[in-house]
Amino acid sequence: MTQNLKHFIEGAHAEASDGARMRLVSPVDEQEYGSAARGTAEDVDRAVAAAHAQLEGGAWSRLHASERAQLLLHLADLVERDTALLADMDANAIGRSPMEPRMMDVPNAVANLRAAAGWTNQLEGRTVPTGGYMGTPTLSYTLREPVGVVAAIVPWNSPLMITVWKLAALLAAGCTVVIKPAEETPHSALHLARLAQEAGFPDGVINVVTGFGDVVGRALCEHPLVAKISFTGSPEAGRAIQRIAAPLFKRVTLELGGKSPQIVFDDASFDDALRGCAMGLFVNQGQVCAAGSRILVQRSLAKPFAQALAEAARAVTVGDPRQAGVQMGPVAKKAQFERVNRYIQLGLDEGAVLLAGGVSRPEKGWFVQPTIFAEATNQMTIAREEIFGPVGTVIAFDSEEEAVALANDSSYGLAATVWTMQVARAHRVAARVKAGAVGVNCWSPLDANLPWGGLKTSGIGREGGLPGALAYTEEKVITVLLPA
């Protein structure tokens, strides 16, 4: 079915101010199946004005915390009701198996909305004892106030889930938002905005402007009424956003990807580690910021583990994800297909041993075979740079010290996994690995109550949990003179 999508601004669908549109292309067959409004700076200005008006005397600004909580709970129910529709929207847009967002992304989004309803009354101020004012006692206390209009710039790999990470927290804090979805995946953000309207959110609280980053994203980052930018995407784009935001003193939260290590010690459960490493590599075609693409394996286990991982890769059925029995679809777009294949060729050129997969040349669609390299070093390009595809690199280590050193020898620091049956070792290594989240005998779980974010090139700030909501507030100090 052809889809012709429009912006959602102040509760109504709207075309771009100049009528321009952008193509929507299926990664399965490379055919155009619809279009979306190609946003302009004027469209951004309308959306930001609507969001700002709700903060300046609008109905949203007059709601108290419990009323915001009820709206969030109602929205959660509606998202849960539309699980199949939302999952299919995201899956079809990027060629993903619909099973994955149905099992992971949508339930996680629902959980975040419900958790956020509880955060609304936890954004508490505090009383602060002081020495008074020029000999007169005072009462000093703080309030948590919404930071203002938020620009939420969302990637294409898990559109609904990541949109809700931002949306749930900022709504709990009392902010308003303009969402800029990735140009490949505007569908679920637009449907989410319609669901929010059905739930009773005032028009203008949640706005969606579709389009390209160099126009819509830049206009949002530069807009004087946007107080905070929450961005998930590449380090290159994150650096550009920081350069814009710095002279304008805008707050930023940046989640910028990773090159996450999975450390497999020789005392680990072989089968559990194998299943976990495969999931960390191949979920969503490897298009996951926390993908465990560096498989660090103790040397005595390295060869059999690499062979078993290669067998798991060869067992994955690649094809149209809408067909029964297919486990992996294509990568999301042509540029990503070319990027992943370029890295696979680099791995071959630099001397890594190819055990499964390789450079892919499908007749139609952007399909990449799950690929495993072995006998690699941590200095190879495939071990240093984020590939964002189903490509794993197995690297051997000898000691715990070396494992930690290899894990930390990266410009990224988003997530890591430690596979071991030794409790003391698990705690030691988890504490020493430089990452925002470490899973022990599991891939780092994404839970609504846990903060998520990285170190180094992986970004700034946290999303999720109460800290994620607090990040959308400012603390105001009020001091009252208490004369005798």
Protein backbone atom coordinates (compact mmCIF):
# COMPACT_ATOMS: atom_id res chain seq x y z
CA MET A 1 0.00 0.00 0.00
CA THR A 2 1.37 3.40 -0.96
CA GLN A 3 2.02 5.66 2.01
CA ASN A 4 2.11 9.44 1.78
CA LEU A 5 3.01 10.79 5.19
CA LYS A 6 2.76 14.34 6.51
CA HIS A 7 4.14 16.24 9.49
CA PHE A 8 2.16 16.29 12.74
CA ILE A 9 2.15 19.85 14.11
CA GLU A 10 -0.14 21.17 16.84
CA GLY A 11 -2.46 18.20 16.55
CA ALA A 12 -2.90 18.25 12.77
CA HIS A 13 -1.26 16.70 9.74
CA ALA A 14 0.57 19.20 7.55
CA GLU A 15 2.50 19.21 4.31
CA ALA A 16 5.93 20.78 4.07
CA SER A 17 5.76 24.55 3.64
CA ASP A 18 7.10 24.23 0.08
CA GLY A 19 5.19 21.02 -0.72
CA ALA A 20 8.39 18.99 -1.12
CA ARG A 21 8.42 15.25 -0.41
CA MET A 22 11.03 12.54 0.07
CA ARG A 23 10.93 8.94 -1.18
CA LEU A 24 10.41 5.91 1.05
CA VAL A 25 12.20 2.83 -0.32
CA SER A 26 11.93 -0.80 0.80
CA PRO A 27 15.30 -2.39 1.61
CA VAL A 28 13.88 -5.80 0.64
CA ASP A 29 13.28 -5.05 -3.06
CA GLU A 30 14.60 -1.46 -3.44
CA GLN A 31 11.16 -0.33 -4.61
CA GLU A 32 9.57 2.99 -3.66
CA TYR A 33 6.46 2.40 -1.57
CA GLY A 34 5.53 5.92 -0.53
CA SER A 35 6.75 9.34 0.46
CA ALA A 36 6.88 11.70 3.40
CA ALA A 37 6.89 15.44 3.80
CA ARG A 38 10.37 16.87 3.30
CA GLY A 39 10.54 19.37 6.12
CA THR A 40 11.84 22.93 5.97
CA ALA A 41 13.08 25.45 8.52
CA GLU A 42 9.63 27.06 8.34
CA ASP A 43 8.00 23.77 9.33
CA VAL A 44 10.38 23.49 12.28
CA ASP A 45 9.54 27.03 13.35
CA ARG A 46 5.79 26.22 13.37
CA ALA A 47 6.35 23.06 15.40
CA VAL A 48 8.64 24.72 17.94
CA ALA A 49 6.22 27.63 18.32
CA ALA A 50 3.41 25.17 19.08
CA ALA A 51 5.53 23.34 21.63
CA HIS A 52 6.66 26.57 23.26
CA ALA A 53 3.11 27.90 23.52
CA GLN A 54 2.12 24.87 25.60
CA LEU A 55 4.85 25.74 28.10
CA GLU A 56 3.91 29.40 28.25
CA GLY A 57 0.40 29.31 29.65
CA GLY A 58 -0.93 26.44 27.55
CA ALA A 59 -3.04 23.61 28.92
CA TRP A 60 0.06 21.43 29.39
CA SER A 61 1.73 23.96 31.67
CA ARG A 62 -1.31 23.89 33.98
CA LEU A 63 -1.37 20.13 34.51
CA HIS A 64 0.02 18.77 37.76
CA ALA A 65 2.23 15.70 38.04
CA SER A 66 -0.57 13.21 38.65
CA GLU A 67 -2.42 14.40 35.52
CA ARG A 68 0.73 13.96 33.41
CA ALA A 69 1.06 10.48 34.90
CA GLN A 70 -2.47 9.54 33.85
CA LEU A 71 -1.82 10.71 30.30
CA LEU A 72 1.37 8.66 30.13
CA LEU A 73 -0.44 5.57 31.40
CA HIS A 74 -3.19 6.04 28.82
CA LEU A 75 -0.61 6.44 26.06
CA ALA A 76 1.12 3.25 27.23
CA ASP A 77 -2.17 1.36 26.94
CA LEU A 78 -2.70 2.64 23.39
CA VAL A 79 0.83 1.72 22.32
CA GLU A 80 0.29 -1.75 23.76
CA ARG A 81 -3.03 -2.00 21.89
CA ASP A 82 -1.26 -1.17 18.61
CA THR A 83 1.76 -3.41 19.19
CA ALA A 84 1.42 -5.33 15.92
CA LEU A 85 0.88 -2.20 13.84
CA LEU A 86 3.81 -0.29 15.37
CA ALA A 87 6.12 -3.30 15.14
CA ASP A 88 5.26 -3.82 11.48
CA MET A 89 5.81 -0.12 10.73
CA ASP A 90 9.36 -0.21 12.05
CA ALA A 91 10.15 -3.67 10.69
CA ASN A 92 8.94 -2.98 7.16
CA ALA A 93 10.75 0.35 6.97
CA ILE A 94 14.18 -1.17 7.66
CA GLY A 95 13.70 -4.77 6.55
CA ARG A 96 13.70 -6.21 10.05
CA SER A 97 11.91 -9.33 11.18
CA PRO A 98 8.61 -8.13 12.74
CA MET A 99 9.09 -10.64 15.54
CA GLU A 100 11.95 -8.62 17.02
CA PRO A 101 10.12 -5.31 17.62
CA ARG A 102 7.04 -7.21 18.78
CA MET A 103 9.10 -9.05 21.39
CA MET A 104 11.55 -6.29 22.37
CA ASP A 105 11.02 -2.75 21.08
CA VAL A 106 7.30 -2.23 21.62
CA PRO A 107 7.16 -3.88 25.07
CA ASN A 108 10.18 -1.80 26.09
CA ALA A 109 8.41 1.36 24.88
CA VAL A 110 5.29 0.46 26.87
CA ALA A 111 7.39 -0.22 29.98
CA ASN A 112 9.14 3.14 29.64
CA LEU A 113 5.86 5.03 29.38
CA ARG A 114 4.49 3.29 32.46
CA ALA A 115 7.69 3.83 34.41
CA ALA A 116 7.67 7.50 33.41
CA ALA A 117 4.21 7.88 34.89
CA GLY A 118 5.82 7.05 38.23
CA TRP A 119 8.67 9.48 37.69
CA THR A 120 6.32 12.47 37.48
CA ASN A 121 5.97 12.68 41.28
CA GLN A 122 9.59 11.78 41.98
CA LEU A 123 11.06 14.94 40.45
CA GLU A 124 11.34 16.40 43.91
CA GLY A 125 13.05 19.47 45.21
CA ARG A 126 14.88 19.58 48.54
CA THR A 127 15.35 21.85 51.52
CA VAL A 128 18.91 23.03 52.07
CA PRO A 129 20.14 24.24 55.47
CA THR A 130 22.19 27.45 55.22
CA GLY A 131 23.82 29.98 57.52
CA GLY A 132 21.06 32.49 56.89
CA TYR A 133 21.24 35.93 55.33
CA MET A 134 23.25 38.62 57.14
CA GLY A 135 22.35 37.15 60.52
CA THR A 136 18.70 36.48 59.72
CA PRO A 137 17.44 32.90 59.36
CA THR A 138 16.27 31.75 55.94
CA LEU A 139 14.42 28.85 54.41
CA SER A 140 16.11 27.66 51.21
CA TYR A 141 14.56 25.03 48.98
CA THR A 142 14.74 23.88 45.39
CA LEU A 143 12.19 23.10 42.68
CA ARG A 144 12.55 20.88 39.61
CA GLU A 145 11.24 22.67 36.54
CA PRO A 146 11.03 21.48 32.92
CA VAL A 147 14.00 22.57 30.84
CA GLY A 148 11.70 23.69 27.99
CA VAL A 149 11.17 22.63 24.39
CA VAL A 150 13.19 19.53 23.46
CA ALA A 151 14.40 18.55 20.01
CA ALA A 152 14.36 14.74 19.90
CA ILE A 153 16.40 13.50 16.94
CA VAL A 154 15.94 9.76 16.47
CA PRO A 155 17.82 7.12 14.41
CA TRP A 156 16.41 4.51 12.05
CA ASN A 157 17.51 1.29 13.72
CA SER A 158 14.93 1.09 16.58
CA PRO A 159 12.72 4.10 15.87
CA LEU A 160 9.78 3.60 18.20
CA MET A 161 11.77 2.39 21.20
CA ILE A 162 14.35 5.16 21.07
CA THR A 163 11.68 7.81 20.44
CA VAL A 164 9.84 6.66 23.55
CA TRP A 165 13.03 6.65 25.64
CA LYS A 166 13.22 10.37 25.01
CA LEU A 167 9.51 11.10 24.95
CA ALA A 168 8.54 9.33 28.18
CA ALA A 169 11.21 11.09 30.23
CA LEU A 170 10.68 14.58 28.87
CA LEU A 171 6.89 14.35 29.27
CA ALA A 172 7.32 13.16 32.85
CA ALA A 173 9.44 16.26 33.46
CA GLY A 174 6.79 18.54 31.93
CA CYS A 175 8.68 19.43 28.75
CA THR A 176 7.27 19.59 25.22
CA VAL A 177 8.91 18.21 22.09
CA VAL A 178 9.52 18.32 18.38
CA ILE A 179 10.51 14.87 17.15
CA LYS A 180 12.67 14.53 14.06
CA PRO A 181 12.54 10.84 13.01
CA ALA A 182 15.08 9.41 10.61
CA GLU A 183 14.09 9.98 7.00
CA GLU A 184 13.81 6.20 6.45
CA THR A 185 11.48 5.57 9.41
CA PRO A 186 8.92 8.34 10.03
CA HIS A 187 5.97 5.98 10.39
CA SER A 188 5.98 4.99 14.07
CA ALA A 189 6.76 8.49 15.37
CA LEU A 190 3.79 9.88 13.48
CA HIS A 191 1.51 7.12 14.74
CA LEU A 192 2.79 7.67 18.28
CA ALA A 193 1.87 11.37 18.02
CA ARG A 194 -1.65 10.42 16.91
CA LEU A 195 -1.94 8.01 19.83
CA ALA A 196 -0.88 10.79 22.21
CA GLN A 197 -3.66 12.93 20.82
CA GLU A 198 -6.10 10.05 21.39
CA ALA A 199 -4.79 9.70 24.94
CA GLY A 200 -5.66 13.35 25.64
CA PHE A 201 -2.33 15.16 25.43
CA PRO A 202 -2.94 18.82 24.49
CA ASP A 203 -2.21 19.63 20.86
CA GLY A 204 1.28 21.07 20.46
CA VAL A 205 2.89 19.08 23.28
CA ILE A 206 4.15 16.44 20.81
CA ASN A 207 5.03 17.45 17.26
CA VAL A 208 6.72 15.48 14.48
CA VAL A 209 8.58 17.06 11.57
CA THR A 210 9.88 14.64 8.94
CA GLY A 211 12.77 15.38 6.63
CA PHE A 212 16.54 15.35 6.31
CA GLY A 213 19.03 16.05 9.05
CA ASP A 214 20.89 18.80 7.25
CA VAL A 215 17.69 20.86 7.07
CA VAL A 216 15.24 19.77 9.79
CA GLY A 217 17.86 18.59 12.28
CA ARG A 218 19.98 21.71 11.85
CA ALA A 219 16.97 24.02 12.13
CA LEU A 220 15.96 22.33 15.39
CA CYS A 221 19.46 22.58 16.83
CA GLU A 222 19.74 26.25 15.91
CA HIS A 223 16.24 27.31 16.97
CA PRO A 224 16.36 29.87 19.81
CA LEU A 225 13.30 28.37 21.57
CA VAL A 226 14.75 24.84 21.70
CA ALA A 227 16.30 24.40 25.14
CA LYS A 228 17.67 20.88 24.83
CA ILE A 229 18.73 18.49 22.08
CA SER A 230 18.44 14.75 22.64
CA PHE A 231 20.18 12.90 19.82
CA THR A 232 20.91 9.27 19.04
CA GLY A 233 23.09 8.57 16.03
CA SER A 234 26.64 8.67 14.74
CA PRO A 235 29.63 10.33 16.46
CA GLU A 236 30.11 12.53 13.40
CA ALA A 237 26.58 13.93 13.67
CA GLY A 238 26.97 14.23 17.46
CA ARG A 239 30.07 16.36 17.03
CA ALA A 240 28.22 18.61 14.58
CA ILE A 241 25.35 19.02 17.04
CA GLN A 242 27.75 19.96 19.83
CA ARG A 243 29.37 22.60 17.63
CA ILE A 244 25.94 24.14 17.03
CA ALA A 245 24.74 23.81 20.62
CA ALA A 246 27.83 25.11 22.42
CA PRO A 247 27.66 28.83 21.51
CA LEU A 248 23.88 28.75 22.05
CA PHE A 249 24.27 27.18 25.53
CA LYS A 250 21.79 24.41 24.74
CA ARG A 251 21.69 21.27 26.86
CA VAL A 252 22.54 18.07 25.00
CA THR A 253 22.18 14.34 25.53
CA LEU A 254 24.08 12.32 22.95
CA GLU A 255 24.07 8.54 22.44
CA LEU A 256 26.58 7.90 19.71
CA GLY A 257 27.05 4.19 19.19
CA GLY A 258 29.66 1.70 20.23
CA LYS A 259 32.08 -1.11 19.53
CA SER A 260 31.06 -3.25 22.46
CA PRO A 261 33.25 -6.12 23.69
CA GLN A 262 31.89 -9.51 24.73
CA ILE A 263 34.54 -11.11 26.96
CA VAL A 264 34.35 -14.92 27.06
CA PHE A 265 36.48 -16.59 29.74
CA ASP A 266 37.32 -20.27 29.54
CA ASP A 267 35.19 -21.04 32.61
CA ALA A 268 32.03 -19.64 31.00
CA SER A 269 29.13 -21.81 29.94
CA PHE A 270 30.08 -22.44 26.30
CA ASP A 271 26.51 -22.79 25.06
CA ASP A 272 25.18 -19.77 26.97
CA ALA A 273 28.05 -17.60 25.80
CA LEU A 274 27.61 -18.77 22.22
CA ARG A 275 23.88 -17.98 22.20
CA GLY A 276 24.47 -14.64 23.90
CA CYS A 277 27.27 -13.58 21.57
CA ALA A 278 25.21 -14.57 18.52
CA MET A 279 22.25 -12.53 19.75
CA GLY A 280 24.51 -9.57 20.50
CA LEU A 281 25.84 -9.76 16.93
CA PHE A 282 22.83 -10.55 14.80
CA VAL A 283 19.73 -8.96 16.38
CA ASN A 284 18.34 -6.32 14.00
CA GLN A 285 20.93 -7.33 11.37
CA GLY A 286 23.62 -6.06 13.74
CA GLN A 287 22.22 -2.55 13.43
CA VAL A 288 22.32 -1.93 17.18
CA CYS A 289 24.41 0.69 18.96
CA ALA A 290 25.31 -1.84 21.67
CA ALA A 291 26.03 -4.70 19.25
CA GLY A 292 28.66 -6.97 20.81
CA SER A 293 30.81 -7.06 17.71
CA ARG A 294 34.20 -7.54 19.41
CA ILE A 295 34.25 -11.12 20.70
CA LEU A 296 37.21 -11.42 23.07
CA VAL A 297 37.77 -15.11 23.86
CA GLN A 298 40.34 -16.73 26.17
CA ARG A 299 42.93 -18.38 23.93
CA SER A 300 42.27 -21.97 25.00
CA LEU A 301 38.66 -21.51 23.86
CA ALA A 302 39.17 -19.13 20.94
CA LYS A 303 39.29 -21.57 17.99
CA PRO A 304 36.36 -23.82 18.94
CA PHE A 305 34.28 -20.80 19.97
CA ALA A 306 34.98 -18.98 16.70
CA GLN A 307 34.07 -22.11 14.72
CA ALA A 308 30.83 -22.52 16.67
CA LEU A 309 29.97 -18.86 16.15
CA ALA A 310 30.62 -19.28 12.42
CA GLU A 311 28.28 -22.28 12.35
CA ALA A 312 25.63 -20.18 14.07
CA ALA A 313 26.12 -17.47 11.45
CA ARG A 314 25.79 -19.93 8.57
CA ALA A 315 22.60 -21.31 10.12
CA VAL A 316 20.84 -17.93 9.94
CA THR A 317 18.25 -17.81 7.15
CA VAL A 318 18.53 -14.50 5.30
CA GLY A 319 15.72 -13.21 3.10
CA ASP A 320 12.46 -11.30 3.04
CA PRO A 321 11.69 -11.01 6.78
CA ARG A 322 7.97 -11.16 6.10
CA GLN A 323 8.32 -14.76 4.90
CA ALA A 324 7.99 -17.72 7.26
CA GLY A 325 11.28 -19.19 8.43
CA VAL A 326 13.37 -16.13 7.61
CA GLN A 327 15.48 -14.97 10.57
CA MET A 328 17.35 -11.98 9.13
CA GLY A 329 16.35 -9.38 6.58
CA PRO A 330 18.42 -6.80 4.71
CA VAL A 331 20.24 -3.87 6.22
CA ALA A 332 18.21 -0.68 6.20
CA LYS A 333 19.51 1.25 3.21
CA LYS A 334 21.91 1.18 0.29
CA ALA A 335 24.51 3.35 2.01
CA GLN A 336 24.54 0.94 4.95
CA PHE A 337 24.85 -2.05 2.62
CA GLU A 338 27.87 -0.48 0.96
CA ARG A 339 29.38 0.48 4.31
CA VAL A 340 29.12 -3.03 5.78
CA ASN A 341 30.58 -4.65 2.66
CA ARG A 342 33.42 -2.14 2.66
CA TYR A 343 34.34 -3.16 6.20
CA ILE A 344 34.14 -6.85 5.34
CA GLN A 345 36.58 -6.28 2.48
CA LEU A 346 38.85 -4.34 4.85
CA GLY A 347 38.85 -7.30 7.23
CA LEU A 348 40.01 -9.55 4.41
CA ASP A 349 42.61 -7.04 3.25
CA GLU A 350 44.04 -6.64 6.77
CA GLY A 351 44.51 -10.37 7.25
CA ALA A 352 41.63 -11.53 9.44
CA VAL A 353 40.47 -15.09 8.71
CA LEU A 354 36.95 -15.28 7.28
CA LEU A 355 34.99 -18.17 8.80
CA ALA A 356 31.48 -17.33 7.61
CA GLY A 357 29.77 -14.86 5.32
CA GLY A 358 31.81 -12.38 3.34
CA VAL A 359 31.16 -9.61 0.85
CA SER A 360 27.54 -9.89 -0.31
CA ARG A 361 26.29 -9.35 -3.86
CA PRO A 362 22.52 -9.99 -3.89
CA GLU A 363 20.57 -9.55 -7.13
CA LYS A 364 18.01 -7.33 -5.39
CA GLY A 365 17.68 -5.88 -1.89
CA TRP A 366 20.37 -4.88 0.60
CA PHE A 367 21.03 -8.32 2.09
CA VAL A 368 24.28 -8.99 3.97
CA GLN A 369 25.27 -12.49 5.04
CA PRO A 370 26.14 -12.87 8.76
CA THR A 371 29.92 -12.68 8.83
CA ILE A 372 32.50 -13.94 11.33
CA PHE A 373 36.21 -13.12 11.32
CA ALA A 374 38.77 -14.94 13.49
CA GLU A 375 42.47 -14.65 14.28
CA ALA A 376 42.04 -10.89 14.34
CA THR A 377 43.80 -8.23 16.37
CA ASN A 378 42.35 -5.27 18.20
CA GLN A 379 44.24 -2.93 15.88
CA MET A 380 42.38 -4.01 12.74
CA THR A 381 39.82 -1.60 11.34
CA ILE A 382 37.01 -4.15 11.82
CA ALA A 383 37.86 -4.16 15.55
CA ARG A 384 38.19 -0.38 15.89
CA GLU A 385 35.27 1.14 13.97
CA GLU A 386 31.53 0.68 14.30
CA ILE A 387 30.28 -1.36 11.33
CA PHE A 388 26.57 -1.42 12.21
CA GLY A 389 25.93 -4.70 10.46
CA PRO A 390 26.00 -8.47 11.15
CA VAL A 391 29.80 -8.71 11.39
CA GLY A 392 31.68 -10.16 14.36
CA THR A 393 35.41 -10.20 15.05
CA VAL A 394 36.92 -12.87 17.32
CA ILE A 395 40.10 -11.82 19.16
CA ALA A 396 42.02 -14.13 21.50
CA PHE A 397 43.41 -13.13 24.90
CA ASP A 398 45.53 -14.92 27.50
CA SER A 399 44.80 -13.31 30.87
CA GLU A 400 42.18 -11.32 32.71
CA GLU A 401 44.48 -8.30 32.59
CA GLU A 402 44.79 -8.57 28.82
CA ALA A 403 41.03 -9.03 28.40
CA VAL A 404 40.32 -5.80 30.29
CA ALA A 405 43.04 -3.95 28.38
CA LEU A 406 41.63 -5.09 25.03
CA ALA A 407 38.08 -4.23 26.07
CA ASN A 408 39.12 -0.72 27.07
CA ASP A 409 41.35 -0.16 24.04
CA SER A 410 38.57 1.52 22.08
CA SER A 411 37.34 5.02 21.45
CA TYR A 412 33.84 3.80 22.39
CA GLY A 413 32.39 2.91 25.78
CA LEU A 414 28.69 2.10 25.51
CA ALA A 415 28.22 -1.50 26.64
CA ALA A 416 30.06 -4.74 27.38
CA THR A 417 29.35 -8.32 28.39
CA VAL A 418 31.39 -10.61 30.64
CA TRP A 419 30.90 -14.37 30.29
CA THR A 420 32.26 -16.25 33.32
CA MET A 421 31.10 -18.57 36.09
CA GLN A 422 33.47 -17.03 38.65
CA VAL A 423 31.55 -14.53 40.75
CA ALA A 424 34.62 -12.62 41.93
CA ARG A 425 35.99 -12.36 38.39
CA ALA A 426 32.63 -11.14 37.10
CA HIS A 427 32.57 -8.25 39.59
CA ARG A 428 36.27 -7.43 39.09
CA VAL A 429 36.08 -7.26 35.32
CA ALA A 430 32.71 -5.48 35.22
CA ALA A 431 34.08 -2.78 37.51
CA ARG A 432 37.21 -2.28 35.40
CA VAL A 433 35.65 -2.23 31.93
CA LYS A 434 35.02 1.34 30.79
CA ALA A 435 31.43 1.21 29.57
CA GLY A 436 28.11 2.73 30.52
CA ALA A 437 26.46 -0.69 30.95
CA VAL A 438 27.98 -4.10 31.59
CA GLY A 439 26.06 -7.37 31.46
CA VAL A 440 27.35 -10.44 33.26
CA ASN A 441 26.32 -13.64 31.46
CA CYS A 442 23.75 -11.66 29.52
CA TRP A 443 23.69 -9.01 26.82
CA SER A 444 23.33 -5.63 28.55
CA PRO A 445 19.59 -5.50 29.30
CA LEU A 446 17.48 -2.51 28.28
CA ASP A 447 15.12 -1.91 31.18
CA ALA A 448 12.89 1.10 31.75
CA ASN A 449 14.30 1.51 35.26
CA LEU A 450 17.96 1.48 34.24
CA PRO A 451 19.85 4.50 32.90
CA TRP A 452 21.41 4.00 29.47
CA GLY A 453 24.32 5.84 27.90
CA GLY A 454 28.00 5.69 27.22
CA LEU A 455 31.49 7.01 27.81
CA LYS A 456 34.08 8.47 25.46
CA THR A 457 32.89 8.57 21.83
CA SER A 458 29.70 6.74 22.82
CA GLY A 459 28.22 9.98 24.05
CA ILE A 460 27.16 12.28 26.87
CA GLY A 461 24.38 11.85 29.40
CA ARG A 462 21.89 9.10 30.19
CA GLU A 463 18.43 8.08 29.06
CA GLY A 464 16.07 5.84 31.02
CA GLY A 465 15.29 5.50 34.69
CA LEU A 466 14.73 8.41 37.00
CA PRO A 467 18.10 9.97 35.98
CA GLY A 468 16.76 10.19 32.43
CA ALA A 469 13.77 12.24 33.58
CA LEU A 470 15.87 14.46 35.87
CA ALA A 471 18.02 15.32 32.83
CA TYR A 472 15.02 17.18 31.38
CA THR A 473 14.73 19.46 34.42
CA GLU A 474 16.50 22.47 35.86
CA GLU A 475 16.91 22.93 39.61
CA LYS A 476 15.74 26.32 40.84
CA VAL A 477 16.76 27.66 44.27
CA ILE A 478 14.29 29.74 46.31
CA THR A 479 15.38 31.46 49.54
CA VAL A 480 12.88 33.05 51.92
CA LEU A 481 13.99 35.45 54.67
CA LEU A 482 12.54 34.46 58.04
CA PRO A 483 12.76 37.51 60.32
CA ALA A 484 11.84 37.15 63.98
